[in-house]
Amino acid sequence: MKVLELINIHKYFTHSDHTLKVLKGIDLVIQTGDTVAITGVSGSGKSTLLHIMGALDPPTMGTVKFEERPVNGMSESELCNLRNRSIGFVFQFHHLLPELNAHENVMMPLLIQGGSKRDAKAKAMETLEMLGLKERANHRTGELSGGEQQRVAIARAIVTAPRILIADEPTGNLDKNTGQEIIRILLGLRKEKELAIVVATHNREFAVAMDRELELIDGRLVTKKEI
């Protein structure tokens, strides 16, 4: 099933009298269960592309479709609902709320949806347990290692059972062994949850492990590997 489609996506940024053309006609289809690595040099526009894919930022030109429905023109309320229910995000820096413990951080997306606190507690704990964090559930962010923090961030991203997980350099702030653990976890989720995964990464091991590797060069996507 087609989860996400980008059609002729352009993104420009204008500063004073200068226009920077970051994306120059991106076409991409993501199906259920796809794993895609987006590579490219720093500043090539990988994060910009992911933000557009995740409905965090609109394109200057072009169409974004989520499960065949155009994202362009959605109200802010509709966009928030789409992001909260159907798209999971993981970033290089976990962005966990430091005043909350791991369990409470993972509960947040479910509470935002309007679910009961009881159900949110149960689902969040189930997700933490799946990621090997049951014993760390009551620890605050500052009491967790970098790898544990990133696993909590992954738990928060998938607790709503999204259709696609978008990750921006999720191993970029981790040591090699911890990074390998995150790769293993994400690829395991793909199989268990039938989750499409798109990752922007400089990590060659990560890129090679994905079904497709697409490199962003001069604002366009070039296929480097496809299974």
N, C-alpha and C. Protein backbone atom coordinates (compact mmCIF):
# COMPACT_ATOMS: atom_id res chain seq x y z
N MET A 1 0.84 -1.20 0.00
CA MET A 1 0.00 0.00 0.00
C MET A 1 0.87 1.25 0.00
N LYS A 2 0.48 2.23 -0.79
CA LYS A 2 1.23 3.48 -0.86
C LYS A 2 0.94 4.32 0.38
N VAL A 3 1.99 4.61 1.15
CA VAL A 3 1.83 5.39 2.37
C VAL A 3 2.05 6.88 2.09
N LEU A 4 3.13 7.18 1.39
CA LEU A 4 3.51 8.57 1.17
C LEU A 4 3.98 8.76 -0.26
N GLU A 5 3.58 9.87 -0.86
CA GLU A 5 4.03 10.17 -2.21
C GLU A 5 4.41 11.65 -2.32
N LEU A 6 5.59 11.90 -2.87
CA LEU A 6 6.04 13.25 -3.17
C LEU A 6 6.04 13.42 -4.68
N ILE A 7 5.43 14.50 -5.15
CA ILE A 7 5.32 14.75 -6.58
C ILE A 7 5.91 16.11 -6.91
N ASN A 8 7.03 16.11 -7.60
CA ASN A 8 7.69 17.34 -8.09
C ASN A 8 7.87 18.37 -6.97
N ILE A 9 8.50 17.92 -5.88
CA ILE A 9 8.66 18.79 -4.72
C ILE A 9 9.85 19.74 -4.89
N HIS A 10 9.58 21.02 -4.73
CA HIS A 10 10.60 22.07 -4.73
C HIS A 10 10.52 22.79 -3.38
N LYS A 11 11.68 23.21 -2.88
CA LYS A 11 11.70 24.02 -1.67
C LYS A 11 12.75 25.10 -1.82
N TYR A 12 12.29 26.36 -1.71
CA TYR A 12 13.17 27.52 -1.84
C TYR A 12 13.12 28.33 -0.55
N PHE A 13 14.26 28.92 -0.22
CA PHE A 13 14.35 29.84 0.91
C PHE A 13 14.87 31.18 0.39
N THR A 14 14.16 32.25 0.69
CA THR A 14 14.55 33.57 0.21
C THR A 14 15.06 34.41 1.37
N HIS A 15 16.26 34.94 1.23
CA HIS A 15 16.87 35.83 2.21
C HIS A 15 17.27 37.10 1.50
N SER A 16 16.65 38.22 1.90
CA SER A 16 16.89 39.51 1.24
C SER A 16 16.62 39.36 -0.26
N ASP A 17 17.65 39.53 -1.07
CA ASP A 17 17.44 39.44 -2.52
C ASP A 17 17.98 38.13 -3.09
N HIS A 18 18.27 37.16 -2.20
CA HIS A 18 18.84 35.90 -2.67
C HIS A 18 17.89 34.74 -2.38
N THR A 19 17.67 33.88 -3.37
CA THR A 19 16.83 32.70 -3.22
C THR A 19 17.69 31.45 -3.30
N LEU A 20 17.61 30.63 -2.25
CA LEU A 20 18.34 29.37 -2.19
C LEU A 20 17.38 28.23 -2.56
N LYS A 21 17.70 27.55 -3.64
CA LYS A 21 16.87 26.44 -4.10
C LYS A 21 17.45 25.14 -3.52
N VAL A 22 16.79 24.62 -2.49
CA VAL A 22 17.30 23.45 -1.77
C VAL A 22 16.84 22.15 -2.42
N LEU A 23 15.57 22.06 -2.74
CA LEU A 23 15.01 20.87 -3.39
C LEU A 23 14.49 21.29 -4.76
N LYS A 24 14.80 20.47 -5.77
CA LYS A 24 14.54 20.90 -7.16
C LYS A 24 13.83 19.81 -7.96
N GLY A 25 12.67 19.43 -7.48
CA GLY A 25 11.87 18.47 -8.23
C GLY A 25 12.05 17.04 -7.74
N ILE A 26 11.59 16.78 -6.50
CA ILE A 26 11.72 15.47 -5.88
C ILE A 26 10.45 14.64 -6.12
N ASP A 27 10.63 13.46 -6.66
CA ASP A 27 9.53 12.49 -6.80
C ASP A 27 9.90 11.25 -6.01
N LEU A 28 8.99 10.79 -5.15
CA LEU A 28 9.30 9.65 -4.30
C LEU A 28 8.01 8.99 -3.84
N VAL A 29 8.00 7.66 -3.86
CA VAL A 29 6.87 6.89 -3.35
C VAL A 29 7.37 5.95 -2.25
N ILE A 30 6.69 5.97 -1.12
CA ILE A 30 7.01 5.09 0.00
C ILE A 30 5.82 4.16 0.22
N GLN A 31 6.10 2.85 0.16
CA GLN A 31 5.07 1.85 0.37
C GLN A 31 5.14 1.29 1.79
N THR A 32 4.08 0.65 2.24
CA THR A 32 4.08 -0.02 3.54
C THR A 32 5.26 -0.98 3.63
N GLY A 33 6.03 -0.88 4.71
CA GLY A 33 7.15 -1.78 4.93
C GLY A 33 8.44 -1.38 4.23
N ASP A 34 8.42 -0.31 3.45
CA ASP A 34 9.65 0.17 2.81
C ASP A 34 10.63 0.66 3.86
N THR A 35 11.92 0.46 3.61
CA THR A 35 12.96 1.11 4.41
C THR A 35 13.85 1.86 3.45
N VAL A 36 13.98 3.16 3.68
CA VAL A 36 14.68 4.04 2.75
C VAL A 36 15.69 4.90 3.50
N ALA A 37 16.92 4.92 3.03
CA ALA A 37 17.94 5.80 3.57
C ALA A 37 18.11 6.99 2.63
N ILE A 38 18.10 8.18 3.20
CA ILE A 38 18.40 9.40 2.46
C ILE A 38 19.79 9.85 2.89
N THR A 39 20.73 9.84 1.97
CA THR A 39 22.10 10.25 2.27
C THR A 39 22.44 11.52 1.50
N GLY A 40 23.61 12.06 1.79
CA GLY A 40 24.05 13.30 1.15
C GLY A 40 24.89 14.10 2.10
N VAL A 41 25.66 15.02 1.55
CA VAL A 41 26.56 15.81 2.38
C VAL A 41 25.76 16.74 3.29
N SER A 42 26.41 17.22 4.34
CA SER A 42 25.76 18.17 5.24
C SER A 42 25.34 19.41 4.45
N GLY A 43 24.11 19.86 4.70
CA GLY A 43 23.62 21.03 3.99
C GLY A 43 22.97 20.73 2.66
N SER A 44 22.84 19.45 2.32
CA SER A 44 22.27 19.10 1.01
C SER A 44 20.74 19.17 1.01
N GLY A 45 20.12 19.27 2.18
CA GLY A 45 18.67 19.40 2.24
C GLY A 45 17.94 18.18 2.79
N LYS A 46 18.68 17.26 3.42
CA LYS A 46 18.05 16.03 3.93
C LYS A 46 16.98 16.35 4.98
N SER A 47 17.31 17.19 5.94
CA SER A 47 16.34 17.52 6.98
C SER A 47 15.15 18.27 6.39
N THR A 48 15.40 19.15 5.45
CA THR A 48 14.31 19.87 4.79
C THR A 48 13.36 18.90 4.12
N LEU A 49 13.91 17.91 3.43
CA LEU A 49 13.09 16.91 2.76
C LEU A 49 12.27 16.12 3.77
N LEU A 50 12.89 15.70 4.87
CA LEU A 50 12.16 14.93 5.88
C LEU A 50 11.05 15.75 6.51
N HIS A 51 11.29 17.02 6.73
CA HIS A 51 10.26 17.88 7.32
C HIS A 51 9.05 18.00 6.39
N ILE A 52 9.30 18.05 5.09
CA ILE A 52 8.20 18.10 4.13
C ILE A 52 7.47 16.76 4.11
N MET A 53 8.22 15.66 4.15
CA MET A 53 7.60 14.33 4.17
C MET A 53 6.72 14.14 5.40
N GLY A 54 7.14 14.71 6.50
CA GLY A 54 6.42 14.56 7.75
C GLY A 54 5.37 15.62 8.02
N ALA A 55 5.07 16.43 7.01
CA ALA A 55 4.05 17.48 7.12
C ALA A 55 4.39 18.52 8.19
N LEU A 56 5.69 18.68 8.44
CA LEU A 56 6.13 19.72 9.37
C LEU A 56 6.37 21.04 8.66
N ASP A 57 6.58 20.97 7.34
CA ASP A 57 6.92 22.15 6.56
C ASP A 57 6.33 21.96 5.16
N PRO A 58 5.68 22.98 4.60
CA PRO A 58 5.11 22.83 3.26
C PRO A 58 6.18 23.04 2.18
N PRO A 59 6.02 22.40 1.02
CA PRO A 59 6.94 22.66 -0.09
C PRO A 59 6.61 24.02 -0.73
N THR A 60 7.58 24.57 -1.42
CA THR A 60 7.32 25.79 -2.19
C THR A 60 6.44 25.46 -3.39
N MET A 61 6.72 24.32 -4.01
CA MET A 61 5.94 23.81 -5.13
C MET A 61 5.86 22.30 -5.00
N GLY A 62 4.82 21.72 -5.60
CA GLY A 62 4.70 20.27 -5.61
C GLY A 62 3.61 19.77 -4.67
N THR A 63 3.39 18.47 -4.69
CA THR A 63 2.29 17.86 -3.94
C THR A 63 2.80 16.74 -3.04
N VAL A 64 2.32 16.74 -1.81
CA VAL A 64 2.58 15.66 -0.86
C VAL A 64 1.27 14.93 -0.62
N LYS A 65 1.28 13.61 -0.80
CA LYS A 65 0.08 12.81 -0.54
C LYS A 65 0.38 11.78 0.55
N PHE A 66 -0.54 11.69 1.50
CA PHE A 66 -0.44 10.67 2.53
C PHE A 66 -1.59 9.71 2.36
N GLU A 67 -1.27 8.44 2.04
CA GLU A 67 -2.29 7.44 1.74
C GLU A 67 -3.29 7.99 0.74
N GLU A 68 -2.75 8.55 -0.34
CA GLU A 68 -3.50 9.06 -1.50
C GLU A 68 -4.21 10.39 -1.24
N ARG A 69 -4.15 10.90 -0.03
CA ARG A 69 -4.83 12.16 0.28
C ARG A 69 -3.83 13.31 0.26
N PRO A 70 -4.08 14.35 -0.53
CA PRO A 70 -3.15 15.49 -0.57
C PRO A 70 -3.03 16.16 0.79
N VAL A 71 -1.79 16.38 1.19
CA VAL A 71 -1.53 17.10 2.44
C VAL A 71 -1.65 18.60 2.22
N ASN A 72 -1.27 19.04 1.02
CA ASN A 72 -1.40 20.46 0.68
C ASN A 72 -2.85 20.90 0.90
N GLY A 73 -3.03 21.99 1.58
CA GLY A 73 -4.38 22.50 1.78
C GLY A 73 -5.05 22.02 3.05
N MET A 74 -4.44 21.07 3.76
CA MET A 74 -5.01 20.65 5.05
C MET A 74 -4.95 21.81 6.04
N SER A 75 -5.93 21.87 6.90
CA SER A 75 -5.92 22.87 7.96
C SER A 75 -4.85 22.49 8.99
N GLU A 76 -4.50 23.45 9.85
CA GLU A 76 -3.49 23.16 10.87
C GLU A 76 -3.98 22.06 11.80
N SER A 77 -5.27 22.04 12.09
CA SER A 77 -5.83 20.99 12.93
C SER A 77 -5.70 19.62 12.27
N GLU A 78 -5.97 19.56 10.97
CA GLU A 78 -5.83 18.29 10.24
C GLU A 78 -4.38 17.84 10.18
N LEU A 79 -3.47 18.79 9.99
CA LEU A 79 -2.04 18.45 9.96
C LEU A 79 -1.58 17.91 11.31
N CYS A 80 -2.01 18.55 12.38
CA CYS A 80 -1.63 18.09 13.72
C CYS A 80 -2.15 16.68 13.97
N ASN A 81 -3.37 16.42 13.53
CA ASN A 81 -3.96 15.10 13.71
C ASN A 81 -3.21 14.05 12.89
N LEU A 82 -2.82 14.41 11.67
CA LEU A 82 -2.05 13.50 10.82
C LEU A 82 -0.70 13.17 11.46
N ARG A 83 -0.01 14.20 11.91
CA ARG A 83 1.31 13.99 12.52
C ARG A 83 1.21 13.16 13.80
N ASN A 84 0.18 13.42 14.59
CA ASN A 84 0.06 12.74 15.88
C ASN A 84 -0.33 11.28 15.73
N ARG A 85 -1.16 10.96 14.75
CA ARG A 85 -1.71 9.62 14.63
C ARG A 85 -0.99 8.72 13.62
N SER A 86 -0.42 9.31 12.58
CA SER A 86 0.03 8.49 11.45
C SER A 86 1.52 8.59 11.14
N ILE A 87 2.22 9.57 11.73
CA ILE A 87 3.63 9.77 11.43
C ILE A 87 4.42 9.81 12.72
N GLY A 88 5.45 8.96 12.81
CA GLY A 88 6.34 8.98 13.96
C GLY A 88 7.63 9.68 13.61
N PHE A 89 8.17 10.47 14.53
CA PHE A 89 9.40 11.21 14.29
C PHE A 89 10.46 10.84 15.33
N VAL A 90 11.68 10.64 14.85
CA VAL A 90 12.83 10.45 15.73
C VAL A 90 13.95 11.33 15.20
N PHE A 91 14.57 12.10 16.09
CA PHE A 91 15.60 13.04 15.67
C PHE A 91 16.95 12.66 16.29
N GLN A 92 18.00 13.33 15.84
CA GLN A 92 19.34 13.08 16.38
C GLN A 92 19.36 13.35 17.87
N PHE A 93 18.72 14.43 18.28
CA PHE A 93 18.59 14.75 19.69
C PHE A 93 17.16 14.40 20.10
N HIS A 94 17.02 13.65 21.15
CA HIS A 94 15.78 12.95 21.46
C HIS A 94 14.58 13.86 21.72
N HIS A 95 14.80 15.09 22.18
CA HIS A 95 13.71 16.04 22.46
C HIS A 95 12.70 15.49 23.47
N LEU A 96 13.19 14.71 24.43
CA LEU A 96 12.32 14.26 25.51
C LEU A 96 12.11 15.40 26.50
N LEU A 97 10.99 15.37 27.21
CA LEU A 97 10.72 16.40 28.22
C LEU A 97 11.44 16.02 29.50
N PRO A 98 12.42 16.82 29.94
CA PRO A 98 13.28 16.43 31.06
C PRO A 98 12.55 16.34 32.39
N GLU A 99 11.42 17.05 32.52
CA GLU A 99 10.70 17.02 33.80
C GLU A 99 9.84 15.77 33.94
N LEU A 100 9.73 14.98 32.86
CA LEU A 100 8.93 13.76 32.89
C LEU A 100 9.84 12.53 32.88
N ASN A 101 9.33 11.43 33.40
CA ASN A 101 10.10 10.19 33.30
C ASN A 101 9.83 9.53 31.95
N ALA A 102 10.51 8.41 31.69
CA ALA A 102 10.40 7.74 30.39
C ALA A 102 8.95 7.35 30.11
N HIS A 103 8.28 6.79 31.10
CA HIS A 103 6.90 6.35 30.92
C HIS A 103 6.00 7.52 30.55
N GLU A 104 6.15 8.63 31.24
CA GLU A 104 5.31 9.81 30.99
C GLU A 104 5.60 10.41 29.62
N ASN A 105 6.86 10.40 29.20
CA ASN A 105 7.20 10.91 27.87
C ASN A 105 6.50 10.10 26.77
N VAL A 106 6.49 8.80 26.94
CA VAL A 106 5.89 7.93 25.92
C VAL A 106 4.36 8.05 25.94
N MET A 107 3.79 8.34 27.09
CA MET A 107 2.34 8.52 27.19
C MET A 107 1.84 9.76 26.46
N MET A 108 2.68 10.78 26.31
CA MET A 108 2.23 12.09 25.85
C MET A 108 1.44 12.06 24.54
N PRO A 109 1.93 11.40 23.47
CA PRO A 109 1.16 11.42 22.22
C PRO A 109 -0.23 10.82 22.36
N LEU A 110 -0.38 9.81 23.22
CA LEU A 110 -1.69 9.19 23.43
C LEU A 110 -2.62 10.12 24.18
N LEU A 111 -2.08 10.85 25.15
CA LEU A 111 -2.90 11.81 25.90
C LEU A 111 -3.31 12.97 25.00
N ILE A 112 -2.42 13.38 24.10
CA ILE A 112 -2.75 14.45 23.15
C ILE A 112 -3.90 14.02 22.24
N GLN A 113 -3.93 12.73 21.91
CA GLN A 113 -5.03 12.21 21.09
C GLN A 113 -6.37 12.24 21.83
N GLY A 114 -6.32 12.37 23.14
CA GLY A 114 -7.55 12.39 23.92
C GLY A 114 -7.90 11.06 24.55
N GLY A 115 -6.96 10.13 24.52
CA GLY A 115 -7.21 8.82 25.13
C GLY A 115 -7.20 8.90 26.65
N SER A 116 -7.70 7.86 27.28
CA SER A 116 -7.75 7.85 28.74
C SER A 116 -6.34 7.66 29.30
N LYS A 117 -6.14 8.20 30.50
CA LYS A 117 -4.83 8.07 31.13
C LYS A 117 -4.52 6.61 31.42
N ARG A 118 -5.51 5.85 31.79
CA ARG A 118 -5.31 4.43 32.09
C ARG A 118 -4.82 3.68 30.85
N ASP A 119 -5.48 3.90 29.73
CA ASP A 119 -5.08 3.23 28.49
C ASP A 119 -3.70 3.69 28.03
N ALA A 120 -3.44 5.00 28.17
CA ALA A 120 -2.14 5.55 27.77
C ALA A 120 -1.01 4.94 28.60
N LYS A 121 -1.24 4.78 29.89
CA LYS A 121 -0.23 4.17 30.77
C LYS A 121 0.09 2.75 30.32
N ALA A 122 -0.97 1.99 30.03
CA ALA A 122 -0.79 0.59 29.65
C ALA A 122 -0.06 0.47 28.32
N LYS A 123 -0.48 1.26 27.33
CA LYS A 123 0.13 1.19 26.01
C LYS A 123 1.57 1.67 26.04
N ALA A 124 1.84 2.73 26.79
CA ALA A 124 3.21 3.25 26.90
C ALA A 124 4.12 2.22 27.55
N MET A 125 3.66 1.57 28.60
CA MET A 125 4.48 0.57 29.28
C MET A 125 4.73 -0.63 28.37
N GLU A 126 3.73 -1.03 27.63
CA GLU A 126 3.88 -2.14 26.68
C GLU A 126 4.95 -1.81 25.64
N THR A 127 4.95 -0.57 25.17
CA THR A 127 5.91 -0.15 24.16
C THR A 127 7.32 -0.06 24.73
N LEU A 128 7.44 0.47 25.93
CA LEU A 128 8.75 0.52 26.59
C LEU A 128 9.29 -0.89 26.83
N GLU A 129 8.43 -1.80 27.23
CA GLU A 129 8.86 -3.18 27.46
C GLU A 129 9.35 -3.81 26.17
N MET A 130 8.68 -3.52 25.06
CA MET A 130 9.08 -4.06 23.77
C MET A 130 10.49 -3.60 23.40
N LEU A 131 10.86 -2.41 23.85
CA LEU A 131 12.18 -1.85 23.55
C LEU A 131 13.18 -2.10 24.68
N GLY A 132 12.83 -2.97 25.61
CA GLY A 132 13.75 -3.34 26.68
C GLY A 132 13.95 -2.28 27.74
N LEU A 133 12.93 -1.45 27.96
CA LEU A 133 13.08 -0.32 28.88
C LEU A 133 12.11 -0.37 30.06
N LYS A 134 11.51 -1.51 30.30
CA LYS A 134 10.53 -1.60 31.37
C LYS A 134 11.13 -1.18 32.71
N GLU A 135 12.37 -1.59 32.96
CA GLU A 135 13.00 -1.30 34.26
C GLU A 135 13.45 0.16 34.36
N ARG A 136 13.42 0.88 33.24
CA ARG A 136 13.85 2.29 33.25
C ARG A 136 12.67 3.25 33.13
N ALA A 137 11.46 2.72 33.18
CA ALA A 137 10.26 3.50 32.91
C ALA A 137 10.11 4.70 33.85
N ASN A 138 10.52 4.57 35.09
CA ASN A 138 10.31 5.63 36.07
C ASN A 138 11.52 6.56 36.21
N HIS A 139 12.49 6.43 35.31
CA HIS A 139 13.67 7.28 35.35
C HIS A 139 13.48 8.50 34.43
N ARG A 140 13.92 9.62 34.91
CA ARG A 140 13.85 10.84 34.09
C ARG A 140 14.97 10.84 33.05
N THR A 141 14.83 11.73 32.09
CA THR A 141 15.76 11.78 30.95
C THR A 141 17.21 11.83 31.38
N GLY A 142 17.51 12.67 32.37
CA GLY A 142 18.89 12.85 32.80
C GLY A 142 19.49 11.63 33.47
N GLU A 143 18.66 10.67 33.83
CA GLU A 143 19.13 9.44 34.47
C GLU A 143 19.33 8.30 33.48
N LEU A 144 19.08 8.57 32.20
CA LEU A 144 19.19 7.56 31.16
C LEU A 144 20.43 7.79 30.31
N SER A 145 20.99 6.71 29.79
CA SER A 145 22.12 6.83 28.86
C SER A 145 21.63 7.37 27.53
N GLY A 146 22.57 7.75 26.66
CA GLY A 146 22.19 8.27 25.34
C GLY A 146 21.38 7.26 24.55
N GLY A 147 21.79 6.01 24.59
CA GLY A 147 21.06 4.97 23.87
C GLY A 147 19.67 4.75 24.44
N GLU A 148 19.55 4.80 25.77
CA GLU A 148 18.25 4.64 26.41
C GLU A 148 17.33 5.81 26.06
N GLN A 149 17.89 7.00 26.05
CA GLN A 149 17.09 8.17 25.67
C GLN A 149 16.55 8.04 24.25
N GLN A 150 17.40 7.55 23.35
CA GLN A 150 16.95 7.41 21.97
C GLN A 150 15.91 6.30 21.84
N ARG A 151 16.03 5.25 22.65
CA ARG A 151 15.01 4.19 22.63
C ARG A 151 13.68 4.70 23.18
N VAL A 152 13.73 5.56 24.18
CA VAL A 152 12.50 6.19 24.68
C VAL A 152 11.88 7.04 23.59
N ALA A 153 12.73 7.78 22.86
CA ALA A 153 12.22 8.61 21.76
C ALA A 153 11.56 7.75 20.68
N ILE A 154 12.14 6.58 20.41
CA ILE A 154 11.54 5.66 19.44
C ILE A 154 10.21 5.14 19.97
N ALA A 155 10.18 4.79 21.25
CA ALA A 155 8.92 4.32 21.86
C ALA A 155 7.84 5.39 21.74
N ARG A 156 8.20 6.62 22.01
CA ARG A 156 7.24 7.73 21.89
C ARG A 156 6.75 7.88 20.46
N ALA A 157 7.65 7.64 19.50
CA ALA A 157 7.30 7.81 18.08
C ALA A 157 6.37 6.71 17.57
N ILE A 158 6.45 5.51 18.15
CA ILE A 158 5.66 4.39 17.62
C ILE A 158 4.46 4.03 18.48
N VAL A 159 4.31 4.66 19.64
CA VAL A 159 3.25 4.26 20.57
C VAL A 159 1.87 4.46 19.97
N THR A 160 1.73 5.36 19.02
CA THR A 160 0.43 5.61 18.38
C THR A 160 0.19 4.72 17.17
N ALA A 161 1.10 3.76 16.92
CA ALA A 161 1.00 2.86 15.76
C ALA A 161 0.93 3.65 14.46
N PRO A 162 1.96 4.46 14.17
CA PRO A 162 1.95 5.27 12.95
C PRO A 162 2.13 4.39 11.71
N ARG A 163 1.86 4.97 10.55
CA ARG A 163 2.04 4.27 9.29
C ARG A 163 3.47 4.39 8.79
N ILE A 164 4.16 5.46 9.20
CA ILE A 164 5.52 5.70 8.75
C ILE A 164 6.33 6.30 9.88
N LEU A 165 7.60 5.90 9.97
CA LEU A 165 8.53 6.47 10.94
C LEU A 165 9.60 7.23 10.17
N ILE A 166 9.77 8.49 10.51
CA ILE A 166 10.76 9.35 9.86
C ILE A 166 11.83 9.70 10.89
N ALA A 167 13.07 9.36 10.57
CA ALA A 167 14.16 9.55 11.52
C ALA A 167 15.27 10.38 10.90
N ASP A 168 15.67 11.44 11.58
CA ASP A 168 16.69 12.35 11.09
C ASP A 168 17.97 12.14 11.90
N GLU A 169 18.95 11.46 11.32
CA GLU A 169 20.23 11.17 11.96
C GLU A 169 20.04 10.55 13.36
N PRO A 170 19.25 9.48 13.48
CA PRO A 170 18.96 8.93 14.81
C PRO A 170 20.16 8.32 15.52
N THR A 171 21.23 8.01 14.78
CA THR A 171 22.44 7.46 15.41
C THR A 171 23.58 8.47 15.45
N GLY A 172 23.33 9.68 14.98
CA GLY A 172 24.39 10.66 14.82
C GLY A 172 25.04 11.13 16.11
N ASN A 173 24.32 10.99 17.22
CA ASN A 173 24.84 11.46 18.51
C ASN A 173 25.23 10.30 19.42
N LEU A 174 25.37 9.09 18.83
CA LEU A 174 25.62 7.90 19.62
C LEU A 174 26.94 7.24 19.25
N ASP A 175 27.51 6.46 20.18
CA ASP A 175 28.71 5.71 19.85
C ASP A 175 28.34 4.55 18.91
N LYS A 176 29.35 3.89 18.35
CA LYS A 176 29.11 2.89 17.32
C LYS A 176 28.22 1.75 17.80
N ASN A 177 28.52 1.20 18.99
CA ASN A 177 27.75 0.06 19.48
C ASN A 177 26.30 0.43 19.75
N THR A 178 26.09 1.60 20.33
CA THR A 178 24.73 2.05 20.61
C THR A 178 24.00 2.35 19.32
N GLY A 179 24.72 2.92 18.35
CA GLY A 179 24.13 3.17 17.04
C GLY A 179 23.68 1.88 16.37
N GLN A 180 24.49 0.83 16.48
CA GLN A 180 24.11 -0.46 15.91
C GLN A 180 22.85 -1.01 16.56
N GLU A 181 22.71 -0.78 17.86
CA GLU A 181 21.51 -1.22 18.57
C GLU A 181 20.27 -0.51 18.04
N ILE A 182 20.39 0.79 17.79
CA ILE A 182 19.26 1.57 17.27
C ILE A 182 18.88 1.07 15.87
N ILE A 183 19.88 0.78 15.05
CA ILE A 183 19.61 0.23 13.71
C ILE A 183 18.83 -1.07 13.82
N ARG A 184 19.29 -1.95 14.70
CA ARG A 184 18.62 -3.24 14.89
C ARG A 184 17.18 -3.06 15.34
N ILE A 185 16.97 -2.14 16.26
CA ILE A 185 15.62 -1.90 16.77
C ILE A 185 14.70 -1.39 15.67
N LEU A 186 15.17 -0.42 14.90
CA LEU A 186 14.32 0.15 13.86
C LEU A 186 13.98 -0.87 12.79
N LEU A 187 14.94 -1.67 12.37
CA LEU A 187 14.67 -2.68 11.36
C LEU A 187 13.75 -3.78 11.91
N GLY A 188 13.86 -4.05 13.20
CA GLY A 188 12.95 -5.01 13.83
C GLY A 188 11.52 -4.50 13.85
N LEU A 189 11.36 -3.20 14.07
CA LEU A 189 10.03 -2.59 14.08
C LEU A 189 9.38 -2.67 12.71
N ARG A 190 10.18 -2.53 11.68
CA ARG A 190 9.68 -2.62 10.31
C ARG A 190 8.99 -3.97 10.10
N LYS A 191 9.61 -5.04 10.58
CA LYS A 191 9.05 -6.37 10.41
C LYS A 191 7.85 -6.60 11.32
N GLU A 192 7.96 -6.16 12.55
CA GLU A 192 6.92 -6.43 13.53
C GLU A 192 5.67 -5.59 13.30
N LYS A 193 5.87 -4.33 12.89
CA LYS A 193 4.76 -3.39 12.80
C LYS A 193 4.33 -3.09 11.36
N GLU A 194 4.99 -3.70 10.36
CA GLU A 194 4.74 -3.35 8.96
C GLU A 194 4.83 -1.83 8.77
N LEU A 195 5.90 -1.30 9.30
CA LEU A 195 6.11 0.14 9.37
C LEU A 195 7.05 0.59 8.26
N ALA A 196 6.66 1.60 7.52
CA ALA A 196 7.59 2.21 6.57
C ALA A 196 8.56 3.08 7.35
N ILE A 197 9.84 3.03 6.98
CA ILE A 197 10.86 3.80 7.69
C ILE A 197 11.70 4.58 6.70
N VAL A 198 11.83 5.87 6.94
CA VAL A 198 12.70 6.73 6.14
C VAL A 198 13.71 7.37 7.08
N VAL A 199 14.98 7.21 6.77
CA VAL A 199 16.05 7.69 7.64
C VAL A 199 17.02 8.57 6.85
N ALA A 200 17.28 9.75 7.35
CA ALA A 200 18.38 10.56 6.83
C ALA A 200 19.60 10.23 7.68
N THR A 201 20.70 9.85 7.04
CA THR A 201 21.84 9.38 7.83
C THR A 201 23.16 9.56 7.10
N HIS A 202 24.22 9.75 7.89
CA HIS A 202 25.60 9.70 7.39
C HIS A 202 26.22 8.34 7.72
N ASN A 203 25.48 7.50 8.44
CA ASN A 203 25.98 6.22 8.91
C ASN A 203 25.90 5.20 7.77
N ARG A 204 27.05 4.78 7.24
CA ARG A 204 27.07 3.87 6.10
C ARG A 204 26.44 2.53 6.45
N GLU A 205 26.66 2.05 7.66
CA GLU A 205 26.09 0.78 8.08
C GLU A 205 24.56 0.84 8.05
N PHE A 206 24.03 1.97 8.47
CA PHE A 206 22.59 2.17 8.47
C PHE A 206 22.06 2.21 7.03
N ALA A 207 22.72 2.99 6.19
CA ALA A 207 22.28 3.13 4.80
C ALA A 207 22.27 1.79 4.07
N VAL A 208 23.31 1.01 4.30
CA VAL A 208 23.43 -0.29 3.63
C VAL A 208 22.34 -1.26 4.10
N ALA A 209 21.90 -1.13 5.34
CA ALA A 209 20.90 -2.04 5.89
C ALA A 209 19.50 -1.78 5.36
N MET A 210 19.28 -0.63 4.74
CA MET A 210 17.96 -0.29 4.24
C MET A 210 17.74 -0.87 2.84
N ASP A 211 16.47 -1.03 2.46
CA ASP A 211 16.15 -1.58 1.14
C ASP A 211 16.61 -0.65 0.01
N ARG A 212 16.45 0.64 0.25
CA ARG A 212 16.83 1.63 -0.76
C ARG A 212 17.73 2.69 -0.15
N GLU A 213 18.71 3.12 -0.92
CA GLU A 213 19.52 4.27 -0.53
C GLU A 213 19.41 5.30 -1.64
N LEU A 214 18.95 6.48 -1.27
CA LEU A 214 18.80 7.59 -2.20
C LEU A 214 19.69 8.73 -1.74
N GLU A 215 20.51 9.23 -2.63
CA GLU A 215 21.42 10.32 -2.27
C GLU A 215 20.88 11.64 -2.81
N LEU A 216 20.89 12.64 -1.94
CA LEU A 216 20.42 13.96 -2.33
C LEU A 216 21.61 14.75 -2.85
N ILE A 217 21.59 15.04 -4.15
CA ILE A 217 22.68 15.75 -4.82
C ILE A 217 22.09 16.92 -5.58
N ASP A 218 22.54 18.12 -5.25
CA ASP A 218 22.09 19.33 -5.94
C ASP A 218 20.57 19.40 -6.02
N GLY A 219 19.92 19.07 -4.91
CA GLY A 219 18.47 19.22 -4.82
C GLY A 219 17.65 18.12 -5.44
N ARG A 220 18.32 17.06 -5.92
CA ARG A 220 17.60 15.96 -6.56
C ARG A 220 18.02 14.63 -5.94
N LEU A 221 17.12 13.65 -5.97
CA LEU A 221 17.40 12.34 -5.42
C LEU A 221 17.97 11.42 -6.49
N VAL A 222 19.09 10.77 -6.17
CA VAL A 222 19.74 9.83 -7.07
C VAL A 222 19.74 8.46 -6.39
N THR A 223 19.27 7.44 -7.08
CA THR A 223 19.22 6.10 -6.50
C THR A 223 20.62 5.51 -6.43
N LYS A 224 21.05 5.17 -5.21
CA LYS A 224 22.36 4.54 -5.01
C LYS A 224 22.25 3.03 -4.88
N LYS A 225 21.11 2.58 -4.30
CA LYS A 225 20.89 1.15 -4.11
C LYS A 225 19.41 0.90 -4.02
N GLU A 226 18.95 -0.19 -4.63
CA GLU A 226 17.55 -0.55 -4.56
C GLU A 226 17.43 -2.06 -4.63
N ILE A 227 16.73 -2.64 -3.65
CA ILE A 227 16.52 -4.09 -3.62
C ILE A 227 15.19 -4.42 -4.27
